[in-house]
Amino acid sequence: MADQYVRTNEDVVQRTYNEASALTVRTGKALFRGVILTAGSDVATLIIYDNTDATDAATKQYTVKTAANTTRVVMHPWLKMTTGIHITLAGTSPNCSVLFTPMKNA
């Protein structure tokens, strides 16, 4: 049987981060909805992994970059994350909001 995703009671969750770092946004299945990335005084880079860490390059799903002092919105409403959502955020004073819907197994 194919892996199925079922919505929980939660709708879209937004988590915001204001500094360069590597961190786990969500542990467990989710539908990745998109990101809002704002760069500070230099280029901001956000890498999104379907994992709880960034140690396995094969789990890299998406890379988003934006020029200094600009904002980029990227929506991807049906990207299934099976393990979790882990991000690495780089730049000088970047700001990032990650949007996702938590899921559970059917």
N, C-alpha and C. Protein backbone atom coordinates (compact mmCIF):
# COMPACT_ATOMS: atom_id res chain seq x y z
N MET A 1 0.84 -1.18 0.00
CA MET A 1 0.00 0.00 0.00
C MET A 1 0.88 1.25 0.00
N ALA A 2 0.52 2.22 -0.79
CA ALA A 2 1.29 3.45 -0.88
C ALA A 2 1.18 4.24 0.43
N ASP A 3 2.22 4.98 0.73
CA ASP A 3 2.23 5.81 1.92
C ASP A 3 1.21 6.92 1.75
N GLN A 4 0.30 7.04 2.70
CA GLN A 4 -0.75 8.05 2.60
C GLN A 4 -0.53 9.12 3.65
N TYR A 5 -0.98 10.31 3.35
CA TYR A 5 -0.90 11.43 4.27
C TYR A 5 -2.31 11.87 4.62
N VAL A 6 -2.55 12.11 5.88
CA VAL A 6 -3.85 12.55 6.36
C VAL A 6 -3.63 13.81 7.18
N ARG A 7 -4.48 14.81 6.96
CA ARG A 7 -4.35 16.04 7.73
C ARG A 7 -4.62 15.78 9.20
N THR A 8 -3.90 16.48 10.05
CA THR A 8 -4.21 16.48 11.47
C THR A 8 -5.20 17.60 11.72
N ASN A 9 -5.45 17.94 12.94
CA ASN A 9 -6.36 19.04 13.25
C ASN A 9 -5.75 20.40 12.93
N GLU A 10 -4.45 20.41 12.68
CA GLU A 10 -3.77 21.66 12.40
C GLU A 10 -3.86 22.00 10.92
N ASP A 11 -3.88 23.30 10.63
CA ASP A 11 -3.81 23.74 9.25
C ASP A 11 -2.37 24.12 8.95
N VAL A 12 -2.17 25.20 8.25
CA VAL A 12 -0.81 25.61 7.91
C VAL A 12 -0.14 26.25 9.13
N VAL A 13 1.06 25.79 9.41
CA VAL A 13 1.87 26.31 10.52
C VAL A 13 2.96 27.18 9.93
N GLN A 14 3.22 28.32 10.55
CA GLN A 14 4.31 29.19 10.13
C GLN A 14 5.30 29.30 11.27
N ARG A 15 6.57 29.01 10.98
CA ARG A 15 7.63 29.18 11.97
C ARG A 15 8.64 30.17 11.39
N THR A 16 9.03 31.16 12.18
CA THR A 16 9.92 32.22 11.72
C THR A 16 11.25 32.18 12.46
N TYR A 17 12.33 32.39 11.71
CA TYR A 17 13.69 32.37 12.26
C TYR A 17 14.42 33.62 11.82
N ASN A 18 15.19 34.24 12.74
CA ASN A 18 15.80 35.54 12.48
C ASN A 18 17.32 35.55 12.50
N GLU A 19 17.95 34.40 12.37
CA GLU A 19 19.41 34.40 12.37
C GLU A 19 19.92 33.21 11.57
N ALA A 20 21.14 33.33 11.11
CA ALA A 20 21.76 32.23 10.36
C ALA A 20 21.95 31.06 11.31
N SER A 21 21.47 29.89 10.90
CA SER A 21 21.58 28.71 11.75
C SER A 21 21.16 27.47 10.97
N ALA A 22 21.31 26.33 11.61
CA ALA A 22 20.80 25.06 11.09
C ALA A 22 19.89 24.51 12.18
N LEU A 23 18.66 24.19 11.83
CA LEU A 23 17.74 23.71 12.84
C LEU A 23 16.61 22.88 12.25
N THR A 24 16.00 22.09 13.11
CA THR A 24 14.87 21.25 12.70
C THR A 24 13.59 22.01 12.96
N VAL A 25 12.83 22.24 11.90
CA VAL A 25 11.56 22.95 11.98
C VAL A 25 10.45 22.00 12.44
N ARG A 26 10.50 20.76 11.94
CA ARG A 26 9.47 19.76 12.25
C ARG A 26 10.10 18.38 12.22
N THR A 27 9.73 17.55 13.19
CA THR A 27 10.08 16.14 13.17
C THR A 27 8.82 15.37 12.84
N GLY A 28 8.88 14.54 11.80
CA GLY A 28 7.71 13.78 11.37
C GLY A 28 7.21 14.29 10.04
N LYS A 29 6.22 13.57 9.51
CA LYS A 29 5.68 13.87 8.18
C LYS A 29 5.01 15.24 8.13
N ALA A 30 5.15 15.86 6.95
CA ALA A 30 4.53 17.16 6.74
C ALA A 30 4.40 17.42 5.25
N LEU A 31 3.50 18.30 4.92
CA LEU A 31 3.44 18.85 3.56
C LEU A 31 4.09 20.22 3.63
N PHE A 32 5.21 20.36 2.95
CA PHE A 32 5.91 21.63 2.89
C PHE A 32 5.10 22.55 2.00
N ARG A 33 4.77 23.74 2.48
CA ARG A 33 3.92 24.68 1.74
C ARG A 33 4.71 25.80 1.07
N GLY A 34 5.81 26.23 1.69
CA GLY A 34 6.59 27.30 1.09
C GLY A 34 7.43 28.02 2.11
N VAL A 35 8.15 29.04 1.62
CA VAL A 35 9.00 29.86 2.49
C VAL A 35 8.91 31.32 2.08
N ILE A 36 9.18 32.17 3.05
CA ILE A 36 9.36 33.60 2.81
C ILE A 36 10.76 33.90 3.32
N LEU A 37 11.65 34.29 2.43
CA LEU A 37 13.05 34.51 2.77
C LEU A 37 13.41 35.97 2.52
N THR A 38 13.91 36.64 3.56
CA THR A 38 14.34 38.03 3.44
C THR A 38 15.83 38.10 3.78
N ALA A 39 16.59 38.70 2.87
CA ALA A 39 18.03 38.83 3.08
C ALA A 39 18.33 40.12 3.82
N GLY A 40 19.42 40.08 4.58
CA GLY A 40 19.92 41.29 5.24
C GLY A 40 20.85 42.02 4.30
N SER A 41 22.05 42.32 4.80
CA SER A 41 22.99 43.13 4.03
C SER A 41 23.75 42.35 2.96
N ASP A 42 23.55 41.03 2.89
CA ASP A 42 24.15 40.25 1.81
C ASP A 42 23.18 39.14 1.40
N VAL A 43 23.59 38.32 0.45
CA VAL A 43 22.73 37.24 -0.06
C VAL A 43 22.33 36.29 1.07
N ALA A 44 21.06 35.90 1.08
CA ALA A 44 20.57 34.90 2.03
C ALA A 44 20.33 33.60 1.27
N THR A 45 20.72 32.49 1.87
CA THR A 45 20.53 31.17 1.28
C THR A 45 19.82 30.27 2.28
N LEU A 46 18.78 29.61 1.84
CA LEU A 46 18.04 28.68 2.66
C LEU A 46 18.04 27.33 1.96
N ILE A 47 18.48 26.28 2.66
CA ILE A 47 18.43 24.92 2.12
C ILE A 47 17.47 24.13 2.99
N ILE A 48 16.56 23.42 2.34
CA ILE A 48 15.51 22.66 3.03
C ILE A 48 15.75 21.18 2.81
N TYR A 49 15.73 20.41 3.89
CA TYR A 49 15.96 18.97 3.85
C TYR A 49 14.74 18.21 4.33
N ASP A 50 14.49 17.05 3.75
CA ASP A 50 13.49 16.11 4.25
C ASP A 50 14.22 15.21 5.24
N ASN A 51 14.47 15.75 6.43
CA ASN A 51 15.26 15.05 7.43
C ASN A 51 15.19 15.83 8.73
N THR A 52 15.86 15.33 9.76
CA THR A 52 15.97 16.07 11.02
C THR A 52 17.37 16.63 11.21
N ASP A 53 18.20 16.52 10.18
CA ASP A 53 19.52 17.14 10.16
C ASP A 53 19.95 17.31 8.71
N ALA A 54 21.15 17.88 8.52
CA ALA A 54 21.64 18.16 7.16
C ALA A 54 22.80 17.26 6.78
N THR A 55 22.93 16.11 7.43
CA THR A 55 24.09 15.26 7.19
C THR A 55 24.01 14.44 5.91
N ASP A 56 22.84 14.22 5.37
CA ASP A 56 22.68 13.40 4.17
C ASP A 56 22.25 14.27 2.99
N ALA A 57 23.17 14.51 2.07
CA ALA A 57 22.87 15.37 0.92
C ALA A 57 21.72 14.85 0.07
N ALA A 58 21.46 13.54 0.13
CA ALA A 58 20.38 12.95 -0.66
C ALA A 58 19.01 13.41 -0.18
N THR A 59 18.91 13.95 1.03
CA THR A 59 17.61 14.40 1.55
C THR A 59 17.35 15.87 1.24
N LYS A 60 18.29 16.53 0.57
CA LYS A 60 18.11 17.93 0.21
C LYS A 60 16.97 18.04 -0.80
N GLN A 61 16.02 18.90 -0.52
CA GLN A 61 14.85 19.05 -1.36
C GLN A 61 14.81 20.35 -2.16
N TYR A 62 15.30 21.42 -1.57
CA TYR A 62 15.06 22.72 -2.15
C TYR A 62 16.13 23.70 -1.69
N THR A 63 16.57 24.58 -2.57
CA THR A 63 17.46 25.67 -2.20
C THR A 63 16.84 26.98 -2.68
N VAL A 64 16.79 27.97 -1.79
CA VAL A 64 16.22 29.28 -2.13
C VAL A 64 17.28 30.33 -1.81
N LYS A 65 17.51 31.23 -2.76
CA LYS A 65 18.45 32.34 -2.55
C LYS A 65 17.74 33.64 -2.88
N THR A 66 18.15 34.70 -2.19
CA THR A 66 17.64 36.03 -2.51
C THR A 66 18.75 37.05 -2.34
N ALA A 67 18.70 38.10 -3.15
CA ALA A 67 19.73 39.13 -3.12
C ALA A 67 19.64 39.98 -1.85
N ALA A 68 20.70 40.70 -1.56
CA ALA A 68 20.73 41.55 -0.37
C ALA A 68 19.54 42.49 -0.33
N ASN A 69 18.97 42.65 0.87
CA ASN A 69 17.88 43.58 1.14
C ASN A 69 16.63 43.34 0.29
N THR A 70 16.37 42.10 -0.07
CA THR A 70 15.16 41.76 -0.82
C THR A 70 14.45 40.57 -0.16
N THR A 71 13.21 40.37 -0.55
CA THR A 71 12.40 39.27 -0.04
C THR A 71 11.97 38.40 -1.20
N ARG A 72 11.99 37.11 -0.98
CA ARG A 72 11.54 36.15 -2.00
C ARG A 72 10.52 35.21 -1.36
N VAL A 73 9.40 35.04 -2.03
CA VAL A 73 8.35 34.13 -1.58
C VAL A 73 8.32 32.95 -2.53
N VAL A 74 8.43 31.74 -2.00
CA VAL A 74 8.39 30.53 -2.81
C VAL A 74 7.31 29.62 -2.23
N MET A 75 6.30 29.33 -3.01
CA MET A 75 5.23 28.44 -2.56
C MET A 75 5.36 27.10 -3.29
N HIS A 76 5.21 26.05 -2.55
CA HIS A 76 5.30 24.70 -3.09
C HIS A 76 4.32 23.85 -2.30
N PRO A 77 3.03 23.94 -2.60
CA PRO A 77 1.99 23.44 -1.69
C PRO A 77 1.89 21.93 -1.49
N TRP A 78 2.56 21.11 -2.24
CA TRP A 78 2.37 19.67 -2.07
C TRP A 78 3.65 18.88 -1.99
N LEU A 79 4.72 19.46 -1.51
CA LEU A 79 5.98 18.74 -1.36
C LEU A 79 5.92 17.91 -0.08
N LYS A 80 5.88 16.59 -0.24
CA LYS A 80 5.77 15.69 0.91
C LYS A 80 7.13 15.50 1.57
N MET A 81 7.17 15.74 2.85
CA MET A 81 8.36 15.52 3.66
C MET A 81 8.07 14.31 4.54
N THR A 82 8.84 13.25 4.39
CA THR A 82 8.52 12.00 5.09
C THR A 82 9.19 11.86 6.45
N THR A 83 10.33 12.53 6.66
CA THR A 83 11.07 12.39 7.92
C THR A 83 10.93 13.63 8.79
N GLY A 84 10.95 14.79 8.18
CA GLY A 84 10.86 16.05 8.91
C GLY A 84 11.24 17.19 8.00
N ILE A 85 11.36 18.37 8.59
CA ILE A 85 11.81 19.55 7.84
C ILE A 85 12.98 20.14 8.62
N HIS A 86 14.14 20.13 7.98
CA HIS A 86 15.35 20.70 8.57
C HIS A 86 15.85 21.78 7.62
N ILE A 87 16.30 22.91 8.16
CA ILE A 87 16.78 23.99 7.30
C ILE A 87 18.18 24.43 7.72
N THR A 88 18.92 24.93 6.74
CA THR A 88 20.13 25.69 7.03
C THR A 88 19.92 27.07 6.42
N LEU A 89 20.12 28.08 7.22
CA LEU A 89 19.88 29.47 6.82
C LEU A 89 21.19 30.22 6.95
N ALA A 90 21.65 30.82 5.84
CA ALA A 90 22.93 31.52 5.84
C ALA A 90 22.76 32.94 5.33
N GLY A 91 23.65 33.81 5.77
CA GLY A 91 23.63 35.20 5.37
C GLY A 91 23.84 36.08 6.58
N THR A 92 23.84 37.40 6.35
CA THR A 92 23.96 38.36 7.44
C THR A 92 22.57 38.88 7.78
N SER A 93 22.10 38.55 8.96
CA SER A 93 20.77 38.96 9.45
C SER A 93 19.62 38.52 8.54
N PRO A 94 19.60 37.24 8.12
CA PRO A 94 18.48 36.79 7.30
C PRO A 94 17.23 36.57 8.16
N ASN A 95 16.08 36.55 7.51
CA ASN A 95 14.82 36.26 8.16
C ASN A 95 14.08 35.26 7.29
N CYS A 96 13.53 34.22 7.90
CA CYS A 96 12.90 33.16 7.13
C CYS A 96 11.65 32.67 7.83
N SER A 97 10.56 32.52 7.09
CA SER A 97 9.35 31.88 7.59
C SER A 97 9.12 30.62 6.78
N VAL A 98 8.94 29.50 7.48
CA VAL A 98 8.69 28.21 6.84
C VAL A 98 7.22 27.87 7.07
N LEU A 99 6.52 27.51 5.99
CA LEU A 99 5.10 27.17 6.07
C LEU A 99 4.92 25.70 5.77
N PHE A 100 4.17 24.98 6.63
CA PHE A 100 3.94 23.56 6.42
C PHE A 100 2.65 23.13 7.11
N THR A 101 2.17 21.96 6.71
CA THR A 101 1.02 21.34 7.37
C THR A 101 1.49 20.02 7.96
N PRO A 102 1.39 19.85 9.29
CA PRO A 102 1.77 18.58 9.90
C PRO A 102 0.86 17.47 9.39
N MET A 103 1.43 16.28 9.23
CA MET A 103 0.67 15.15 8.73
C MET A 103 0.87 13.95 9.64
N LYS A 104 0.01 12.95 9.49
CA LYS A 104 0.18 11.69 10.21
C LYS A 104 -0.08 10.55 9.24
N ASN A 105 0.34 9.35 9.58
CA ASN A 105 0.08 8.21 8.72
C ASN A 105 -1.39 7.86 8.73
N ALA A 106 -1.87 7.35 7.60
CA ALA A 106 -3.26 6.92 7.52
C ALA A 106 -3.44 5.60 8.23
